[in-house]
Protein backbone atom coordinates (compact mmCIF):
# COMPACT_ATOMS: atom_id res chain seq x y z
CA MET A 1 40.32 3.36 48.40
CA LYS A 2 38.07 0.23 47.43
CA PRO A 3 35.03 1.17 49.25
CA THR A 4 35.11 4.56 47.79
CA PHE A 5 35.81 3.31 44.28
CA LEU A 6 33.03 0.74 44.75
CA LYS A 7 30.52 3.62 46.03
CA THR A 8 31.69 5.98 42.75
CA ALA A 9 31.12 3.02 40.57
CA ILE A 10 27.67 2.24 41.91
CA ALA A 11 27.04 5.79 41.93
CA ALA A 12 28.08 6.15 38.43
CA VAL A 13 25.60 3.20 37.31
CA VAL A 14 22.74 4.66 39.22
CA VAL A 15 22.94 8.01 37.55
CA SER A 16 23.59 6.42 34.21
CA MET A 17 20.24 4.22 34.55
CA GLY A 18 18.37 7.28 35.72
CA LEU A 19 19.48 9.39 32.84
CA ALA A 20 18.69 6.28 30.29
CA GLY A 21 15.23 6.11 32.00
CA SER A 22 14.51 9.83 31.46
CA ALA A 23 15.25 9.61 27.94
CA ALA A 24 13.48 6.58 27.05
CA ALA A 25 12.83 7.03 23.27
CA THR A 26 8.93 6.80 22.46
CA GLU A 27 7.63 4.10 19.93
CA CYS A 28 4.91 5.01 17.85
CA ILE A 29 3.44 1.68 16.34
CA ALA A 30 1.66 2.14 12.76
CA PRO A 31 -0.54 -1.23 12.54
CA ALA A 32 0.13 -0.93 8.67
CA ASN A 33 2.80 -1.10 6.30
CA PRO A 34 4.47 1.91 5.50
CA GLY A 35 2.47 4.59 3.53
CA GLY A 36 -1.07 5.13 4.37
CA GLY A 37 -3.37 6.88 7.28
CA TRP A 38 -1.39 5.42 10.22
CA ASP A 39 1.89 5.49 9.27
CA PHE A 40 1.41 9.09 8.35
CA THR A 41 -0.07 9.51 11.87
CA CYS A 42 2.88 8.23 13.47
CA ARG A 43 5.79 9.82 11.36
CA GLN A 44 3.81 13.12 11.47
CA ILE A 45 2.60 13.36 15.03
CA GLY A 46 6.11 11.63 16.10
CA LYS A 47 8.12 14.19 14.14
CA ILE A 48 6.42 16.87 15.83
CA LEU A 49 6.58 15.88 19.09
CA PHE A 50 10.24 15.92 19.03
CA ASP A 51 10.39 19.29 16.84
CA ILE A 52 8.29 21.10 19.76
CA LYS A 53 10.18 19.27 22.66
CA GLN A 54 7.23 17.41 23.60
CA VAL A 55 9.81 14.44 23.66
CA ASP A 56 13.56 14.06 24.78
CA ALA A 57 14.32 11.92 21.66
CA PRO A 58 13.29 11.28 18.02
CA VAL A 59 9.80 8.90 18.25
CA GLN A 60 10.45 5.72 16.90
CA VAL A 61 8.32 4.09 14.24
CA THR A 62 7.24 0.70 14.37
CA ASN A 63 5.11 -0.81 11.28
CA MET A 64 2.95 -3.71 12.32
CA ALA A 65 0.57 -4.75 9.82
CA GLY A 66 -1.79 -7.50 10.38
CA ALA A 67 -5.54 -8.13 10.73
CA GLY A 68 -6.78 -4.41 10.06
CA GLY A 69 -5.14 -3.26 13.10
CA GLY A 70 -5.69 -6.19 15.14
CA LEU A 71 -2.14 -7.54 15.41
CA ALA A 72 -1.07 -4.11 17.06
CA PHE A 73 -3.84 -3.93 19.27
CA SER A 74 -3.26 -7.52 20.54
CA THR A 75 0.00 -6.94 20.98
CA VAL A 76 -0.36 -4.04 23.09
CA VAL A 77 -2.79 -5.29 25.36
CA ALA A 78 -1.05 -8.74 25.85
CA GLU A 79 2.77 -7.55 25.67
CA ARG A 80 2.86 -3.73 26.34
CA ASN A 81 -0.04 -3.01 28.61
CA THR A 82 2.01 -0.77 31.27
CA ASP A 83 4.35 0.79 28.79
CA PRO A 84 4.13 4.45 29.16
CA ASP A 85 6.63 5.22 26.19
CA LEU A 86 4.27 3.53 23.75
CA ILE A 87 1.61 5.52 21.38
CA VAL A 88 -0.37 3.37 18.68
CA ALA A 89 -1.74 5.53 15.56
CA ALA A 90 -5.69 4.83 15.26
CA SER A 91 -8.50 6.39 13.11
CA SER A 92 -12.04 5.69 12.72
CA ALA A 93 -11.45 2.42 10.99
CA THR A 94 -9.99 1.04 14.52
CA THR A 95 -13.19 2.09 16.44
CA THR A 96 -15.56 0.55 13.57
CA ARG A 97 -13.55 -2.79 13.66
CA LEU A 98 -13.46 -3.41 17.48
CA ALA A 99 -17.31 -2.50 17.36
CA GLN A 100 -17.86 -5.07 14.85
CA ASN A 101 -15.88 -7.43 16.77
CA ALA A 102 -13.20 -7.82 14.03
CA PHE A 103 -10.18 -8.37 16.42
CA GLY A 104 -11.21 -11.96 18.01
CA GLY A 105 -13.11 -10.63 20.95
CA ALA A 106 -10.96 -7.42 21.62
CA THR A 107 -12.76 -4.71 23.07
CA ALA A 108 -11.94 -0.87 23.02
CA ASP A 109 -11.90 -0.57 27.02
CA GLN A 110 -8.76 -2.79 26.77
CA VAL A 111 -6.51 0.32 25.51
CA ARG A 112 -7.11 3.98 26.53
CA TRP A 113 -7.86 6.46 24.06
CA VAL A 114 -5.40 9.53 23.98
CA GLY A 115 -7.02 12.01 21.27
CA SER A 116 -7.69 12.88 17.74
CA ILE A 117 -6.20 16.29 15.87
CA GLY A 118 -7.29 16.12 12.53
CA ALA A 119 -9.71 14.32 10.41
CA ASP A 120 -10.56 13.52 6.90
CA PRO A 121 -14.03 14.89 7.09
CA GLY A 122 -17.15 12.32 5.84
CA VAL A 123 -19.11 13.80 2.61
CA ILE A 124 -22.12 12.86 0.90
CA VAL A 125 -21.79 13.76 -2.69
CA VAL A 126 -24.15 13.70 -6.28
CA ALA A 127 -23.37 14.05 -9.51
CA LYS A 128 -23.71 17.55 -10.64
CA ASP A 129 -26.91 17.04 -12.56
CA SER A 130 -28.53 15.18 -9.88
CA PRO A 131 -32.16 16.25 -8.72
CA LEU A 132 -31.08 16.10 -5.22
CA THR A 133 -30.14 19.24 -4.15
CA SER A 134 -29.77 18.91 -0.40
CA LEU A 135 -29.73 16.28 2.38
CA ALA A 136 -33.66 16.66 2.96
CA ASP A 137 -34.18 15.99 -0.85
CA MET A 138 -32.21 12.81 -0.22
CA VAL A 139 -33.65 11.91 3.15
CA GLU A 140 -37.27 12.56 1.36
CA ALA A 141 -36.58 10.31 -1.36
CA ILE A 142 -35.48 7.24 0.40
CA LYS A 143 -38.31 7.66 2.69
CA ALA A 144 -40.71 7.48 -0.32
CA ASP A 145 -39.11 4.88 -2.07
CA PRO A 146 -35.82 3.35 -0.10
CA GLY A 147 -34.59 1.58 -3.44
CA SER A 148 -34.56 4.85 -5.52
CA VAL A 149 -30.98 5.79 -3.76
CA ALA A 150 -28.26 3.58 -3.86
CA PHE A 151 -25.09 4.80 -2.51
CA ALA A 152 -21.42 4.10 -3.65
CA GLY A 153 -18.61 3.68 -1.35
CA GLY A 154 -14.89 2.26 -0.87
CA SER A 155 -15.47 0.27 2.06
CA ALA A 156 -17.12 -3.11 2.67
CA ALA A 157 -20.65 -3.47 3.90
CA GLY A 158 -21.02 -2.38 7.35
CA GLY A 159 -17.75 -0.34 6.86
CA PHE A 160 -17.16 3.47 7.76
CA ASP A 161 -18.51 4.67 4.56
CA HIS A 162 -21.56 2.35 4.67
CA MET A 163 -22.34 3.85 8.13
CA LYS A 164 -22.51 7.62 6.83
CA PRO A 165 -25.78 7.53 5.21
CA LEU A 166 -27.27 5.18 7.59
CA GLN A 167 -26.50 7.55 10.53
CA ILE A 168 -28.02 10.50 8.22
CA MET A 169 -31.26 8.17 8.02
CA LYS A 170 -31.58 7.05 11.51
CA ALA A 171 -31.08 11.00 12.48
CA ALA A 172 -33.85 11.54 10.12
CA GLY A 173 -36.56 9.17 11.93
CA PHE A 174 -36.07 6.54 9.24
CA ASP A 175 -35.44 2.78 10.94
CA ASP A 176 -35.53 0.57 8.03
CA ILE A 177 -32.30 1.10 7.30
CA ARG A 178 -31.62 -2.44 5.50
CA ALA A 179 -33.85 -1.23 3.07
CA ILE A 180 -30.87 1.41 2.05
CA LYS A 181 -28.99 0.51 -1.16
CA TYR A 182 -25.07 0.15 -0.59
CA ILE A 183 -22.45 -0.71 -2.94
CA SER A 184 -19.25 -1.57 -2.06
CA VAL A 185 -16.49 -0.59 -4.82
CA ASP A 186 -12.67 -0.53 -4.63
CA GLY A 187 -11.80 2.76 -3.19
CA GLY A 188 -13.14 6.60 -3.27
CA ALA A 189 -12.38 7.26 -7.00
CA ASP A 190 -14.49 4.04 -8.16
CA ALA A 191 -17.57 5.25 -5.94
CA ILE A 192 -17.08 8.89 -7.83
CA THR A 193 -17.33 6.91 -11.05
CA GLN A 194 -20.39 4.87 -10.40
CA THR A 195 -22.14 7.85 -9.04
CA VAL A 196 -20.92 10.63 -12.12
CA GLY A 197 -21.95 7.47 -14.45
CA GLY A 198 -25.38 7.49 -13.18
CA PHE A 199 -24.95 3.92 -11.68
CA THR A 200 -25.76 5.09 -8.24
CA GLN A 201 -27.37 8.07 -7.31
CA ALA A 202 -24.99 9.23 -4.45
CA MET A 203 -21.35 8.60 -3.02
CA THR A 204 -20.52 8.56 0.60
CA GLY A 205 -16.84 8.90 1.18
CA ASP A 206 -14.17 11.48 2.46
CA MET A 207 -13.13 14.80 1.39
CA SER A 208 -9.58 14.03 0.47
CA GLU A 209 -11.43 11.63 -2.32
CA ILE A 210 -13.65 14.07 -3.58
CA VAL A 211 -11.44 17.34 -3.94
CA GLY A 212 -10.61 16.86 -7.35
CA PHE A 213 -14.12 15.85 -8.53
CA LEU A 214 -15.66 19.21 -7.02
CA LYS A 215 -12.90 21.48 -8.47
CA SER A 216 -13.60 20.10 -11.86
CA GLY A 217 -17.37 20.45 -11.39
CA GLU A 218 -18.31 16.74 -11.82
CA VAL A 219 -20.13 16.15 -8.60
CA ARG A 220 -21.97 18.47 -5.96
CA ALA A 221 -21.46 17.80 -2.29
CA LEU A 222 -24.74 17.78 -0.33
CA ALA A 223 -23.01 17.90 3.02
CA VAL A 224 -19.87 17.73 4.95
CA LEU A 225 -20.25 15.36 8.15
CA THR A 226 -18.19 17.76 10.50
CA GLU A 227 -19.03 19.91 13.54
CA GLU A 228 -18.40 23.17 11.36
CA ARG A 229 -17.64 23.85 7.86
CA VAL A 230 -14.34 22.92 6.09
CA PRO A 231 -11.83 25.56 5.76
CA GLY A 232 -11.42 25.77 1.99
CA PHE A 233 -14.60 24.36 1.36
CA GLU A 234 -17.09 27.06 3.00
CA ASP A 235 -19.73 26.52 0.54
CA ILE A 236 -20.35 22.84 1.83
CA PRO A 237 -23.06 23.13 4.31
CA THR A 238 -22.79 20.40 7.59
CA ALA A 239 -25.39 17.84 8.14
CA ARG A 240 -26.01 19.66 11.32
CA GLU A 241 -27.02 22.95 9.47
CA GLN A 242 -29.45 20.91 7.98
CA GLY A 243 -31.08 19.58 10.70
CA TYR A 244 -29.46 15.99 11.17
CA ASP A 245 -27.10 15.78 13.96
CA VAL A 246 -24.39 13.57 12.22
CA VAL A 247 -20.66 13.92 12.79
CA ALA A 248 -18.84 11.29 10.76
CA VAL A 249 -15.05 11.93 10.32
CA ASN A 250 -12.04 9.90 9.64
CA TRP A 251 -10.13 11.01 12.47
CA ARG A 252 -6.32 10.43 13.00
CA GLY A 253 -5.32 9.96 16.62
CA LEU A 254 -3.68 7.85 19.34
CA TYR A 255 -4.60 5.40 21.95
CA VAL A 256 -1.94 3.74 24.84
CA PRO A 257 -1.88 0.89 27.11
CA LYS A 258 -4.79 0.85 29.48
CA GLY A 259 -2.17 -0.01 32.18
CA ILE A 260 -0.33 3.20 32.61
CA SER A 261 -1.40 5.85 35.31
CA ASP A 262 -3.73 8.38 34.77
CA ASP A 263 -1.11 11.05 35.24
CA GLN A 264 0.98 9.40 32.46
CA PHE A 265 -2.21 9.21 30.16
CA ASN A 266 -3.09 12.82 30.92
CA ALA A 267 0.64 13.44 30.11
CA TRP A 268 0.04 12.19 26.45
CA ALA A 269 -3.18 14.05 26.15
CA ASP A 270 -1.22 17.39 26.71
CA LYS A 271 1.63 16.43 24.56
CA LEU A 272 -1.00 15.72 21.97
CA GLN A 273 -2.73 18.99 22.68
CA ALA A 274 0.47 20.78 21.92
CA VAL A 275 1.00 19.25 18.76
CA ALA A 276 -2.65 20.24 17.63
CA ASP A 277 -1.92 23.79 18.69
CA SER A 278 1.52 24.14 16.66
CA ALA A 279 2.14 25.77 13.36
CA GLU A 280 3.87 22.62 12.16
CA TRP A 281 0.75 20.28 12.37
CA LYS A 282 -1.59 23.04 11.00
CA GLU A 283 0.72 23.01 7.99
CA ALA A 284 1.02 19.14 8.02
CA MET A 285 -3.20 19.22 7.75
CA THR A 286 -3.14 21.84 5.19
CA ALA A 287 -0.63 19.47 2.99
CA ASN A 288 -2.64 16.44 3.47
CA GLY A 289 -6.24 17.58 3.32
CA LEU A 290 -7.26 17.20 7.04
CA ALA A 291 -9.82 19.15 8.95
CA PRO A 292 -9.15 20.45 12.61
CA PHE A 293 -11.02 17.80 15.04
CA THR A 294 -9.40 18.15 18.42
CA LYS A 295 -10.35 15.93 21.29
CA VAL A 296 -8.09 14.67 23.51
CA GLY A 297 -8.07 12.94 27.16
CA ALA A 298 -11.36 12.13 28.86
CA ASP A 299 -13.28 14.16 26.44
CA PHE A 300 -12.25 11.94 23.41
CA GLN A 301 -12.53 9.05 25.26
CA ASN A 302 -15.91 9.78 25.89
CA TRP A 303 -16.60 10.55 22.42
CA VAL A 304 -15.21 7.09 21.37
CA ASP A 305 -17.01 5.20 23.56
CA GLY A 306 -20.30 6.96 22.20
CA VAL A 307 -18.97 6.11 18.69
CA ILE A 308 -18.77 2.76 19.24
CA ALA A 309 -21.84 2.12 20.85
CA GLU A 310 -23.86 3.72 18.02
CA THR A 311 -21.56 1.51 15.59
CA VAL A 312 -22.49 -1.11 17.11
CA VAL A 313 -26.51 -0.57 17.01
CA LEU A 314 -26.19 -0.05 13.33
CA SER A 315 -24.14 -2.75 12.56
CA LYS A 316 -26.55 -5.17 14.40
CA GLU A 317 -29.46 -3.76 12.32
CA ILE A 318 -27.86 -4.32 8.93
CA GLY A 319 -26.54 -7.72 10.12
CA VAL A 320 -23.00 -7.19 10.30
CA ILE A 321 -22.85 -8.64 13.88
CA GLN A 322 -25.22 -10.50 16.02
């Protein structure tokens, strides 16, 4: 009886371990305190992953604030490099900081970039009575006198808001980007106030920051920096339409540890695509002012590589990095 009992016990343990392994809960690290974009990404994507049965158990969200995302990044690289059940919220701020060596020597190729499924579109706006009525007007004014157009933005010098007008001017063939005036203020609302008040000639920011001002008629958008016009704001032309090949969006997405297998990486890309295709995610985007921006798997990885390379070049040109 003893051998039979022992075999049965061992088999039960093996089955139990197998079940536990198959039901391992996914963890999503939000590299900031509760609230804000990264926390939103983890909680919304995590909830929908479970709701549409892409994962077997509710996604556990871990808030890991520190170093503007650097603590989470270094933790994943050093301690969780092969964890197939770990996803991490990321955005344009993540890649900008990596490009500018803000994570103490960490590089973007130390993780794998799964995808983006929504974005807060970048915009360039002016006061309602501004003589600048198009991007071409703005570009020509800067070319004629770089100091004549000052931009207000909510990011620090060299940050994502600062990069947007620089990208446009580079696309227009203007190389003296250090001559472009940028004033960093405390958030998008302050940047709008500076522009409406005439202290700056333009504001560089995100669509979510200007919706109320657009509706009240206080500002006019010269361009939205997306691939296509934004649903609900179809009257705002893209930069591409106006001849400037610039897409600058504050995307919402995920990265995963570099040490997972290709099959595991591709599985996460498929799961994220399923979230993007879901009615639940479309509702979440509408409720939170996000535009569609879906790139997953190798497509997103290649796009991130290009964005980082461009950010490095611009950052060197304005002296943010050596």
